[in-house]
Amino acid sequence: MMKMMDKSLMKGPNAMTRKKDGFQSEMLLVLPEQFVRDYAEHPLAGGLFVTDIGYFPHARHHYRERKEGCEAYILIFCSGGEGWVRIEDQPPQLVKKYDLLVIPANVPHAYGASDTLPWSIYWFHFRGDQAQHYIDLLPLSRSLLRLDAQDALRLTEWFQACYTLLSEKGYSLPHCLHANQFMGQILGMLALQRPSEADQLSNGYVEQSIRYMKQSIAENLSLAQLSEQANLSRSHYLSVFKSVTGQSPAHYFQQLKIQQACTYLDLTDWSIKEISGRVGFKDPLYFSRAFRKSIGVSPSTYREKMKG
């Protein structure tokens, strides 16, 4: 659980102590604006691309405040020490070792290092048509996410690879595309982080229910049977299942049946009538209609197509 902090701790250093120079052993690179504009318009780069990247070790007196926000999304990973972040009018939050924060584009914010235990941070600024879609996948709790040691190491390795490509290999399109892929890997990894306890519980119910569906592929399970097997009320089971899979249990179960039918069509010489029965369709005509609606062709046409 992310800790809140006293507002007096996040006022930032005064005008005399705010850091204007760099930090010892820092890494910092800002892509020229002309390159950024070119990449934003390129079909291979415009979805997600890095504009700024850096590493500030033991960044005493580090402080940033952007009252109008930043044009790019900002990702900051704290590898040691402590700092704080305030986004819009939300209360400030303490940022500790292995915490990661994401600041949306064009949102007022401020952040800085602790006076007593200044943070070390890896950071990216990134833009692109797909940037918000990546952010929407992250299991953020008020813009923060805690990583374990293994994922923290993986993130710093990908950061280093991205920084090396941009700082040592130049700004050519192939190098930038490769660097942006590391940015995408980092965001993809973050999307796989452990969800909240409530989400984990929901996922567990759904995983158990899907196993039950697969074991009962030849049957026609009702909502009452599925909810009873999950030990949930019908309404709660339906809500949980749809929130995790995006589909109703009935539709998901039918898709599993069609998927299994494809396997039978590929690997056996059973008749379509027999396959229909083995996946729980009593009427072969109804099975064929459902199969065509899902796959786009009839079962017989599907069987004739070359695979692999």
C-alpha atoms as a PDB file:
ATOM      1  CA  MET A   1       0.000   0.000   0.000  1.00  0.00           C
ATOM      2  CA  MET A   2       1.440   3.380  -1.004  1.00  0.00           C
ATOM      3  CA  LYS A   3       1.995   5.778   1.900  1.00  0.00           C
ATOM      4  CA  MET A   4       0.712   9.310   2.044  1.00  0.00           C
ATOM      5  CA  MET A   5       3.064  11.992   3.370  1.00  0.00           C
ATOM      6  CA  ASP A   6       2.848  15.254   5.194  1.00  0.00           C
ATOM      7  CA  LYS A   7       2.588  18.212   2.829  1.00  0.00           C
ATOM      8  CA  SER A   8       5.407  19.959   4.657  1.00  0.00           C
ATOM      9  CA  LEU A   9       7.805  17.317   3.369  1.00  0.00           C
ATOM     10  CA  MET A  10       7.163  17.992  -0.320  1.00  0.00           C
ATOM     11  CA  LYS A  11       7.550  21.738  -0.586  1.00  0.00           C
ATOM     12  CA  GLY A  12      10.858  21.075  -2.271  1.00  0.00           C
ATOM     13  CA  PRO A  13      14.187  22.742  -1.582  1.00  0.00           C
ATOM     14  CA  ASN A  14      14.189  26.500  -1.397  1.00  0.00           C
ATOM     15  CA  ALA A  15      15.441  28.695  -4.216  1.00  0.00           C
ATOM     16  CA  MET A  16      18.992  28.576  -2.858  1.00  0.00           C
ATOM     17  CA  THR A  17      19.254  24.777  -2.695  1.00  0.00           C
ATOM     18  CA  ARG A  18      17.196  23.552  -5.667  1.00  0.00           C
ATOM     19  CA  LYS A  19      19.530  21.662  -7.978  1.00  0.00           C
ATOM     20  CA  LYS A  20      20.443  23.582 -11.117  1.00  0.00           C
ATOM     21  CA  ASP A  21      23.510  21.591 -12.128  1.00  0.00           C
ATOM     22  CA  GLY A  22      23.773  17.898 -12.895  1.00  0.00           C
ATOM     23  CA  PHE A  23      24.366  14.977 -10.555  1.00  0.00           C
ATOM     24  CA  GLN A  24      27.591  13.022 -10.326  1.00  0.00           C
ATOM     25  CA  SER A  25      27.537   9.996 -12.691  1.00  0.00           C
ATOM     26  CA  GLU A  26      24.205  11.095 -14.131  1.00  0.00           C
ATOM     27  CA  MET A  27      22.978  10.065 -17.586  1.00  0.00           C
ATOM     28  CA  LEU A  28      20.827  12.445 -19.578  1.00  0.00           C
ATOM     29  CA  LEU A  29      19.727  12.608 -23.185  1.00  0.00           C
ATOM     30  CA  VAL A  30      17.056  14.759 -24.859  1.00  0.00           C
ATOM     31  CA  LEU A  31      16.246  14.038 -28.486  1.00  0.00           C
ATOM     32  CA  PRO A  32      16.274  17.100 -30.774  1.00  0.00           C
ATOM     33  CA  GLU A  33      12.776  18.375 -31.401  1.00  0.00           C
ATOM     34  CA  GLN A  34      13.119  17.957 -35.162  1.00  0.00           C
ATOM     35  CA  PHE A  35      13.826  14.242 -34.728  1.00  0.00           C
ATOM     36  CA  VAL A  36      10.888  13.955 -32.343  1.00  0.00           C
ATOM     37  CA  ARG A  37       8.559  15.540 -34.907  1.00  0.00           C
ATOM     38  CA  ASP A  38       9.839  13.204 -37.619  1.00  0.00           C
ATOM     39  CA  TYR A  39       9.361  10.117 -35.458  1.00  0.00           C
ATOM     40  CA  ALA A  40       5.872  11.203 -34.420  1.00  0.00           C
ATOM     41  CA  GLU A  41       4.836  11.237 -38.073  1.00  0.00           C
ATOM     42  CA  HIS A  42       6.492   7.936 -39.012  1.00  0.00           C
ATOM     43  CA  PRO A  43       4.097   4.931 -39.141  1.00  0.00           C
ATOM     44  CA  LEU A  44       6.612   2.656 -37.367  1.00  0.00           C
ATOM     45  CA  ALA A  45       7.579   5.101 -34.631  1.00  0.00           C
ATOM     46  CA  GLY A  46       4.510   7.236 -34.021  1.00  0.00           C
ATOM     47  CA  GLY A  47       2.760   4.762 -31.725  1.00  0.00           C
ATOM     48  CA  LEU A  48       5.270   4.941 -28.877  1.00  0.00           C
ATOM     49  CA  PHE A  49       8.609   6.744 -28.783  1.00  0.00           C
ATOM     50  CA  VAL A  50      11.086   8.060 -26.230  1.00  0.00           C
ATOM     51  CA  THR A  51      11.836  11.797 -26.248  1.00  0.00           C
ATOM     52  CA  ASP A  52      13.991  12.136 -23.091  1.00  0.00           C
ATOM     53  CA  ILE A  53      15.818   9.586 -20.960  1.00  0.00           C
ATOM     54  CA  GLY A  54      18.023   9.840 -17.914  1.00  0.00           C
ATOM     55  CA  TYR A  55      19.430   8.493 -14.663  1.00  0.00           C
ATOM     56  CA  PHE A  56      20.052  10.683 -11.598  1.00  0.00           C
ATOM     57  CA  PRO A  57      21.955   8.905  -8.792  1.00  0.00           C
ATOM     58  CA  HIS A  58      21.630  10.186  -5.203  1.00  0.00           C
ATOM     59  CA  ALA A  59      19.905  13.254  -6.590  1.00  0.00           C
ATOM     60  CA  ARG A  60      20.076  15.555  -3.561  1.00  0.00           C
ATOM     61  CA  HIS A  61      17.904  18.687  -3.962  1.00  0.00           C
ATOM     62  CA  HIS A  62      16.353  17.312  -7.154  1.00  0.00           C
ATOM     63  CA  TYR A  63      13.065  19.144  -7.702  1.00  0.00           C
ATOM     64  CA  ARG A  64      10.716  19.663 -10.635  1.00  0.00           C
ATOM     65  CA  GLU A  65       7.418  21.521 -10.814  1.00  0.00           C
ATOM     66  CA  ARG A  66       5.404  21.872 -14.007  1.00  0.00           C
ATOM     67  CA  LYS A  67       2.282  23.909 -13.407  1.00  0.00           C
ATOM     68  CA  GLU A  68       1.056  23.285 -16.964  1.00  0.00           C
ATOM     69  CA  GLY A  69       2.219  19.671 -17.084  1.00  0.00           C
ATOM     70  CA  CYS A  70       4.502  18.121 -19.675  1.00  0.00           C
ATOM     71  CA  GLU A  71       3.716  17.359 -23.298  1.00  0.00           C
ATOM     72  CA  ALA A  72       5.053  13.829 -22.803  1.00  0.00           C
ATOM     73  CA  TYR A  73       4.159  11.058 -20.358  1.00  0.00           C
ATOM     74  CA  ILE A  74       6.754  10.706 -17.599  1.00  0.00           C
ATOM     75  CA  LEU A  75       7.854   7.394 -16.088  1.00  0.00           C
ATOM     76  CA  ILE A  76      10.131   7.511 -13.026  1.00  0.00           C
ATOM     77  CA  PHE A  77      11.592   4.453 -11.309  1.00  0.00           C
ATOM     78  CA  CYS A  78      13.180   4.884  -7.888  1.00  0.00           C
ATOM     79  CA  SER A  79      16.088   2.442  -7.534  1.00  0.00           C
ATOM     80  CA  GLY A  80      17.103   3.706  -4.092  1.00  0.00           C
ATOM     81  CA  GLY A  81      16.465   6.399  -1.524  1.00  0.00           C
ATOM     82  CA  GLU A  82      13.191   8.289  -1.306  1.00  0.00           C
ATOM     83  CA  GLY A  83      11.302  11.118  -2.925  1.00  0.00           C
ATOM     84  CA  TRP A  84       7.784  12.408  -3.350  1.00  0.00           C
ATOM     85  CA  VAL A  85       5.282  13.206  -6.080  1.00  0.00           C
ATOM     86  CA  ARG A  86       2.184  15.381  -6.260  1.00  0.00           C
ATOM     87  CA  ILE A  87      -0.129  15.134  -9.277  1.00  0.00           C
ATOM     88  CA  GLU A  88      -2.744  17.842  -9.841  1.00  0.00           C
ATOM     89  CA  ASP A  89      -4.472  18.618  -6.539  1.00  0.00           C
ATOM     90  CA  GLN A  90      -3.989  15.133  -5.063  1.00  0.00           C
ATOM     91  CA  PRO A  91      -2.185  14.798  -1.727  1.00  0.00           C
ATOM     92  CA  PRO A  92       1.557  14.194  -2.089  1.00  0.00           C
ATOM     93  CA  GLN A  93       2.780  10.609  -2.044  1.00  0.00           C
ATOM     94  CA  LEU A  94       5.978   9.131  -0.702  1.00  0.00           C
ATOM     95  CA  VAL A  95       8.091   7.321  -3.323  1.00  0.00           C
ATOM     96  CA  LYS A  96      10.493   4.667  -2.016  1.00  0.00           C
ATOM     97  CA  LYS A  97      12.944   2.134  -3.395  1.00  0.00           C
ATOM     98  CA  TYR A  98      11.420   0.009  -6.202  1.00  0.00           C
ATOM     99  CA  ASP A  99       8.433   2.334  -6.556  1.00  0.00           C
ATOM    100  CA  LEU A 100       7.552   3.389 -10.073  1.00  0.00           C
ATOM    101  CA  LEU A 101       5.389   6.364 -10.899  1.00  0.00           C
ATOM    102  CA  VAL A 102       3.708   7.477 -14.104  1.00  0.00           C
ATOM    103  CA  ILE A 103       2.655  11.066 -14.683  1.00  0.00           C
ATOM    104  CA  PRO A 104       0.112  11.580 -17.481  1.00  0.00           C
ATOM    105  CA  ALA A 105       0.795  14.077 -20.231  1.00  0.00           C
ATOM    106  CA  ASN A 106      -0.402  17.685 -19.796  1.00  0.00           C
ATOM    107  CA  VAL A 107      -1.218  17.232 -16.097  1.00  0.00           C
ATOM    108  CA  PRO A 108       0.179  19.666 -13.492  1.00  0.00           C
ATOM    109  CA  HIS A 109       2.639  17.992 -11.156  1.00  0.00           C
ATOM    110  CA  ALA A 110       5.667  18.338  -8.921  1.00  0.00           C
ATOM    111  CA  TYR A 111       8.197  15.863  -7.569  1.00  0.00           C
ATOM    112  CA  GLY A 112      11.511  15.831  -5.801  1.00  0.00           C
ATOM    113  CA  ALA A 113      14.074  13.973  -3.735  1.00  0.00           C
ATOM    114  CA  SER A 114      13.983  13.499   0.012  1.00  0.00           C
ATOM    115  CA  ASP A 115      16.273  15.898   1.881  1.00  0.00           C
ATOM    116  CA  THR A 116      17.533  13.185   4.214  1.00  0.00           C
ATOM    117  CA  LEU A 117      17.625  10.170   1.877  1.00  0.00           C
ATOM    118  CA  PRO A 118      17.655  11.484  -1.723  1.00  0.00           C
ATOM    119  CA  TRP A 119      16.425   9.141  -4.370  1.00  0.00           C
ATOM    120  CA  SER A 120      18.211   7.603  -7.342  1.00  0.00           C
ATOM    121  CA  ILE A 121      15.903   7.532 -10.342  1.00  0.00           C
ATOM    122  CA  TYR A 122      15.708   6.179 -13.864  1.00  0.00           C
ATOM    123  CA  TRP A 123      13.281   8.128 -16.007  1.00  0.00           C
ATOM    124  CA  PHE A 124      11.746   8.347 -19.471  1.00  0.00           C
ATOM    125  CA  HIS A 125       9.634  10.905 -21.234  1.00  0.00           C
ATOM    126  CA  PHE A 126       7.601   9.285 -23.979  1.00  0.00           C
ATOM    127  CA  ARG A 127       4.826  10.133 -26.422  1.00  0.00           C
ATOM    128  CA  GLY A 128       2.849   8.454 -29.173  1.00  0.00           C
ATOM    129  CA  ASP A 129      -0.618   7.538 -30.353  1.00  0.00           C
ATOM    130  CA  GLN A 130      -0.487   4.329 -28.315  1.00  0.00           C
ATOM    131  CA  ALA A 131       1.023   5.779 -25.131  1.00  0.00           C
ATOM    132  CA  GLN A 132      -2.269   6.176 -23.262  1.00  0.00           C
ATOM    133  CA  HIS A 133      -3.330   2.654 -24.254  1.00  0.00           C
ATOM    134  CA  TYR A 134      -0.166   1.313 -22.597  1.00  0.00           C
ATOM    135  CA  ILE A 135      -0.818   3.371 -19.473  1.00  0.00           C
ATOM    136  CA  ASP A 136      -4.394   2.096 -19.288  1.00  0.00           C
ATOM    137  CA  LEU A 137      -3.011  -1.461 -18.944  1.00  0.00           C
ATOM    138  CA  LEU A 138      -0.875  -0.690 -15.905  1.00  0.00           C
ATOM    139  CA  PRO A 139      -2.167  -1.739 -12.455  1.00  0.00           C
ATOM    140  CA  LEU A 140      -1.361   1.672 -10.984  1.00  0.00           C
ATOM    141  CA  SER A 141      -2.546   2.728  -7.549  1.00  0.00           C
ATOM    142  CA  ARG A 142      -2.815   6.515  -7.670  1.00  0.00           C
ATOM    143  CA  SER A 143      -0.073   6.647 -10.300  1.00  0.00           C
ATOM    144  CA  LEU A 144       2.312   4.394  -8.311  1.00  0.00           C
ATOM    145  CA  LEU A 145       3.409   0.800  -8.717  1.00  0.00           C
ATOM    146  CA  ARG A 146       5.790  -1.296  -6.605  1.00  0.00           C
ATOM    147  CA  LEU A 147       8.197  -3.673  -8.380  1.00  0.00           C
ATOM    148  CA  ASP A 148       9.990  -6.685  -6.971  1.00  0.00           C
ATOM    149  CA  ALA A 149      13.777  -6.985  -7.151  1.00  0.00           C
ATOM    150  CA  GLN A 150      13.761  -9.186 -10.265  1.00  0.00           C
ATOM    151  CA  ASP A 151      11.562  -6.838 -12.290  1.00  0.00           C
ATOM    152  CA  ALA A 152      13.520  -3.847 -11.014  1.00  0.00           C
ATOM    153  CA  LEU A 153      16.710  -5.414 -12.393  1.00  0.00           C
ATOM    154  CA  ARG A 154      15.019  -6.175 -15.706  1.00  0.00           C
ATOM    155  CA  LEU A 155      13.779  -2.592 -15.998  1.00  0.00           C
ATOM    156  CA  THR A 156      17.231  -1.111 -15.367  1.00  0.00           C
ATOM    157  CA  GLU A 157      18.796  -3.466 -17.917  1.00  0.00           C
ATOM    158  CA  TRP A 158      16.279  -2.417 -20.576  1.00  0.00           C
ATOM    159  CA  PHE A 159      16.781   1.205 -19.620  1.00  0.00           C
ATOM    160  CA  GLN A 160      20.533   0.842 -20.150  1.00  0.00           C
ATOM    161  CA  ALA A 161      19.994  -0.814 -23.527  1.00  0.00           C
ATOM    162  CA  CYS A 162      17.635   1.969 -24.591  1.00  0.00           C
ATOM    163  CA  TYR A 163      19.997   4.693 -23.387  1.00  0.00           C
ATOM    164  CA  THR A 164      22.989   3.107 -25.125  1.00  0.00           C
ATOM    165  CA  LEU A 165      21.152   2.906 -28.433  1.00  0.00           C
ATOM    166  CA  LEU A 166      20.150   6.554 -28.295  1.00  0.00           C
ATOM    167  CA  SER A 167      23.347   8.009 -26.854  1.00  0.00           C
ATOM    168  CA  GLU A 168      26.006   5.975 -28.648  1.00  0.00           C
ATOM    169  CA  LYS A 169      24.374   4.864 -31.890  1.00  0.00           C
ATOM    170  CA  GLY A 170      22.901   8.157 -33.048  1.00  0.00           C
ATOM    171  CA  TYR A 171      19.390   9.182 -33.941  1.00  0.00           C
ATOM    172  CA  SER A 172      18.865   7.042 -37.022  1.00  0.00           C
ATOM    173  CA  LEU A 173      15.381   5.621 -37.437  1.00  0.00           C
ATOM    174  CA  PRO A 174      16.480   1.961 -36.967  1.00  0.00           C
ATOM    175  CA  HIS A 175      18.293   2.814 -33.715  1.00  0.00           C
ATOM    176  CA  CYS A 176      15.353   4.788 -32.390  1.00  0.00           C
ATOM    177  CA  LEU A 177      12.905   2.055 -33.356  1.00  0.00           C
ATOM    178  CA  HIS A 178      15.027  -0.461 -31.463  1.00  0.00           C
ATOM    179  CA  ALA A 179      15.227   1.859 -28.444  1.00  0.00           C
ATOM    180  CA  ASN A 180      11.460   2.362 -28.504  1.00  0.00           C
ATOM    181  CA  GLN A 181      10.980  -1.405 -28.409  1.00  0.00           C
ATOM    182  CA  PHE A 182      12.764  -1.468 -25.049  1.00  0.00           C
ATOM    183  CA  MET A 183      10.352   1.205 -23.862  1.00  0.00           C
ATOM    184  CA  GLY A 184       7.475  -0.997 -25.046  1.00  0.00           C
ATOM    185  CA  GLN A 185       8.983  -4.010 -23.246  1.00  0.00           C
ATOM    186  CA  ILE A 186       9.140  -2.051 -20.014  1.00  0.00           C
ATOM    187  CA  LEU A 187       5.504  -0.966 -20.267  1.00  0.00           C
ATOM    188  CA  GLY A 188       4.461  -4.494 -21.257  1.00  0.00           C
ATOM    189  CA  MET A 189       6.256  -5.934 -18.224  1.00  0.00           C
ATOM    190  CA  LEU A 190       4.594  -3.392 -15.951  1.00  0.00           C
ATOM    191  CA  ALA A 191       1.176  -4.399 -17.288  1.00  0.00           C
ATOM    192  CA  LEU A 192       1.850  -7.913 -15.966  1.00  0.00           C
ATOM    193  CA  GLN A 193       2.494  -6.799 -12.388  1.00  0.00           C
ATOM    194  CA  ARG A 194       0.472  -8.374  -9.621  1.00  0.00           C
ATOM    195  CA  PRO A 195      -2.985  -6.835  -9.373  1.00  0.00           C
ATOM    196  CA  SER A 196      -4.661  -5.858  -6.138  1.00  0.00           C
ATOM    197  CA  GLU A 197      -5.832  -8.546  -3.719  1.00  0.00           C
ATOM    198  CA  ALA A 198      -9.411  -8.053  -4.913  1.00  0.00           C
ATOM    199  CA  ASP A 199      -8.356  -8.459  -8.543  1.00  0.00           C
ATOM    200  CA  GLN A 200      -6.287 -11.531  -7.700  1.00  0.00           C
ATOM    201  CA  LEU A 201      -9.328 -13.080  -6.040  1.00  0.00           C
ATOM    202  CA  SER A 202     -11.479 -12.337  -9.089  1.00  0.00           C
ATOM    203  CA  ASN A 203      -8.846 -13.797 -11.402  1.00  0.00           C
ATOM    204  CA  GLY A 204      -8.738 -16.929  -9.271  1.00  0.00           C
ATOM    205  CA  TYR A 205     -12.490 -17.453  -9.529  1.00  0.00           C
ATOM    206  CA  VAL A 206     -12.390 -17.005 -13.294  1.00  0.00           C
ATOM    207  CA  GLU A 207      -9.369 -19.265 -13.840  1.00  0.00           C
ATOM    208  CA  GLN A 208     -11.090 -21.975 -11.817  1.00  0.00           C
ATOM    209  CA  SER A 209     -14.289 -21.526 -13.800  1.00  0.00           C
ATOM    210  CA  ILE A 210     -12.476 -21.729 -17.155  1.00  0.00           C
ATOM    211  CA  ARG A 211     -10.773 -24.975 -16.078  1.00  0.00           C
ATOM    212  CA  TYR A 212     -14.204 -26.333 -15.214  1.00  0.00           C
ATOM    213  CA  MET A 213     -15.518 -25.292 -18.651  1.00  0.00           C
ATOM    214  CA  LYS A 214     -12.651 -27.073 -20.411  1.00  0.00           C
ATOM    215  CA  GLN A 215     -13.242 -30.217 -18.401  1.00  0.00           C
ATOM    216  CA  SER A 216     -16.937 -30.060 -19.312  1.00  0.00           C
ATOM    217  CA  ILE A 217     -16.582 -29.128 -22.968  1.00  0.00           C
ATOM    218  CA  ALA A 218     -19.092 -31.769 -24.100  1.00  0.00           C
ATOM    219  CA  GLU A 219     -21.766 -30.481 -21.725  1.00  0.00           C
ATOM    220  CA  ASN A 220     -24.078 -27.495 -21.813  1.00  0.00           C
ATOM    221  CA  LEU A 221     -23.401 -25.727 -18.541  1.00  0.00           C
ATOM    222  CA  SER A 222     -25.920 -23.181 -17.342  1.00  0.00           C
ATOM    223  CA  LEU A 223     -25.139 -19.959 -15.541  1.00  0.00           C
ATOM    224  CA  ALA A 224     -26.552 -21.526 -12.396  1.00  0.00           C
ATOM    225  CA  GLN A 225     -24.145 -24.485 -12.673  1.00  0.00           C
ATOM    226  CA  LEU A 226     -21.135 -22.260 -13.344  1.00  0.00           C
ATOM    227  CA  SER A 227     -21.888 -19.861 -10.493  1.00  0.00           C
ATOM    228  CA  GLU A 228     -22.543 -22.766  -8.116  1.00  0.00           C
ATOM    229  CA  GLN A 229     -19.231 -24.376  -9.055  1.00  0.00           C
ATOM    230  CA  ALA A 230     -17.477 -21.045  -8.356  1.00  0.00           C
ATOM    231  CA  ASN A 231     -19.404 -20.747  -5.067  1.00  0.00           C
ATOM    232  CA  LEU A 232     -20.718 -17.297  -6.028  1.00  0.00           C
ATOM    233  CA  SER A 233     -24.153 -15.864  -6.569  1.00  0.00           C
ATOM    234  CA  ARG A 234     -25.239 -15.677 -10.208  1.00  0.00           C
ATOM    235  CA  SER A 235     -25.067 -11.898 -10.345  1.00  0.00           C
ATOM    236  CA  HIS A 236     -21.663 -11.745  -8.646  1.00  0.00           C
ATOM    237  CA  TYR A 237     -20.244 -14.531 -10.808  1.00  0.00           C
ATOM    238  CA  LEU A 238     -21.477 -12.855 -13.992  1.00  0.00           C
ATOM    239  CA  SER A 239     -20.000  -9.511 -12.925  1.00  0.00           C
ATOM    240  CA  VAL A 240     -16.627 -11.021 -11.961  1.00  0.00           C
ATOM    241  CA  PHE A 241     -16.345 -13.113 -15.123  1.00  0.00           C
ATOM    242  CA  LYS A 242     -17.137 -10.213 -17.438  1.00  0.00           C
ATOM    243  CA  SER A 243     -14.774  -7.859 -15.609  1.00  0.00           C
ATOM    244  CA  VAL A 244     -11.848 -10.279 -16.082  1.00  0.00           C
ATOM    245  CA  THR A 245     -12.528 -11.639 -19.583  1.00  0.00           C
ATOM    246  CA  GLY A 246     -14.665  -8.927 -21.152  1.00  0.00           C
ATOM    247  CA  GLN A 247     -17.200 -11.589 -22.165  1.00  0.00           C
ATOM    248  CA  SER A 248     -20.183 -13.343 -20.663  1.00  0.00           C
ATOM    249  CA  PRO A 249     -19.614 -16.911 -19.384  1.00  0.00           C
ATOM    250  CA  ALA A 250     -21.957 -18.286 -22.058  1.00  0.00           C
ATOM    251  CA  HIS A 251     -20.104 -16.615 -24.917  1.00  0.00           C
ATOM    252  CA  TYR A 252     -16.716 -17.590 -23.506  1.00  0.00           C
ATOM    253  CA  PHE A 253     -17.803 -21.221 -23.077  1.00  0.00           C
ATOM    254  CA  GLN A 254     -19.065 -21.363 -26.653  1.00  0.00           C
ATOM    255  CA  GLN A 255     -15.752 -19.979 -27.913  1.00  0.00           C
ATOM    256  CA  LEU A 256     -13.944 -22.721 -26.013  1.00  0.00           C
ATOM    257  CA  LYS A 257     -16.198 -25.270 -27.711  1.00  0.00           C
ATOM    258  CA  ILE A 258     -15.460 -23.852 -31.161  1.00  0.00           C
ATOM    259  CA  GLN A 259     -11.745 -23.822 -30.354  1.00  0.00           C
ATOM    260  CA  GLN A 260     -11.879 -27.471 -29.374  1.00  0.00           C
ATOM    261  CA  ALA A 261     -13.870 -28.261 -32.515  1.00  0.00           C
ATOM    262  CA  CYS A 262     -11.064 -26.724 -34.589  1.00  0.00           C
ATOM    263  CA  THR A 263      -8.598 -29.045 -32.903  1.00  0.00           C
ATOM    264  CA  TYR A 264     -10.776 -32.065 -33.689  1.00  0.00           C
ATOM    265  CA  LEU A 265     -11.149 -30.945 -37.316  1.00  0.00           C
ATOM    266  CA  ASP A 266      -7.382 -30.553 -37.609  1.00  0.00           C
ATOM    267  CA  LEU A 267      -6.306 -33.753 -35.891  1.00  0.00           C
ATOM    268  CA  THR A 268      -9.049 -36.349 -36.411  1.00  0.00           C
ATOM    269  CA  ASP A 269     -11.125 -37.778 -39.226  1.00  0.00           C
ATOM    270  CA  TRP A 270     -14.321 -37.694 -37.163  1.00  0.00           C
ATOM    271  CA  SER A 271     -17.429 -36.539 -38.967  1.00  0.00           C
ATOM    272  CA  ILE A 272     -18.726 -33.060 -38.359  1.00  0.00           C
ATOM    273  CA  LYS A 273     -21.787 -34.568 -36.685  1.00  0.00           C
ATOM    274  CA  GLU A 274     -19.577 -36.499 -34.262  1.00  0.00           C
ATOM    275  CA  ILE A 275     -17.437 -33.441 -33.529  1.00  0.00           C
ATOM    276  CA  SER A 276     -20.589 -31.427 -32.956  1.00  0.00           C
ATOM    277  CA  GLY A 277     -21.679 -33.865 -30.267  1.00  0.00           C
ATOM    278  CA  ARG A 278     -18.232 -34.011 -28.662  1.00  0.00           C
ATOM    279  CA  VAL A 279     -18.296 -30.269 -28.052  1.00  0.00           C
ATOM    280  CA  GLY A 280     -21.820 -30.196 -26.701  1.00  0.00           C
ATOM    281  CA  PHE A 281     -23.917 -29.238 -29.748  1.00  0.00           C
ATOM    282  CA  LYS A 282     -26.876 -31.599 -30.170  1.00  0.00           C
ATOM    283  CA  ASP A 283     -27.866 -30.039 -33.504  1.00  0.00           C
ATOM    284  CA  PRO A 284     -25.090 -30.236 -36.177  1.00  0.00           C
ATOM    285  CA  LEU A 285     -26.748 -27.453 -38.185  1.00  0.00           C
ATOM    286  CA  TYR A 286     -26.692 -25.119 -35.211  1.00  0.00           C
ATOM    287  CA  PHE A 287     -23.062 -26.108 -34.622  1.00  0.00           C
ATOM    288  CA  SER A 288     -22.175 -25.257 -38.235  1.00  0.00           C
ATOM    289  CA  ARG A 289     -23.859 -21.861 -37.961  1.00  0.00           C
ATOM    290  CA  ALA A 290     -22.077 -21.087 -34.678  1.00  0.00           C
ATOM    291  CA  PHE A 291     -18.757 -22.270 -36.151  1.00  0.00           C
ATOM    292  CA  ARG A 292     -19.112 -20.102 -39.262  1.00  0.00           C
ATOM    293  CA  LYS A 293     -20.052 -17.065 -37.173  1.00  0.00           C
ATOM    294  CA  SER A 294     -16.947 -17.499 -35.037  1.00  0.00           C
ATOM    295  CA  ILE A 295     -14.345 -18.702 -37.573  1.00  0.00           C
ATOM    296  CA  GLY A 296     -15.730 -17.193 -40.762  1.00  0.00           C
ATOM    297  CA  VAL A 297     -16.051 -20.447 -42.724  1.00  0.00           C
ATOM    298  CA  SER A 298     -17.982 -23.698 -42.375  1.00  0.00           C
ATOM    299  CA  PRO A 299     -16.430 -26.660 -40.511  1.00  0.00           C
ATOM    300  CA  SER A 300     -15.897 -28.564 -43.769  1.00  0.00           C
ATOM    301  CA  THR A 301     -14.176 -25.596 -45.432  1.00  0.00           C
ATOM    302  CA  TYR A 302     -12.008 -25.103 -42.360  1.00  0.00           C
ATOM    303  CA  ARG A 303     -10.934 -28.745 -42.468  1.00  0.00           C
ATOM    304  CA  GLU A 304      -9.856 -28.426 -46.102  1.00  0.00           C
ATOM    305  CA  LYS A 305      -7.578 -25.459 -45.487  1.00  0.00           C
ATOM    306  CA  MET A 306      -3.840 -26.123 -45.212  1.00  0.00           C
ATOM    307  CA  LYS A 307      -2.475 -25.605 -41.706  1.00  0.00           C
ATOM    308  CA  GLY A 308       1.004 -24.844 -40.497  1.00  0.00           C
END
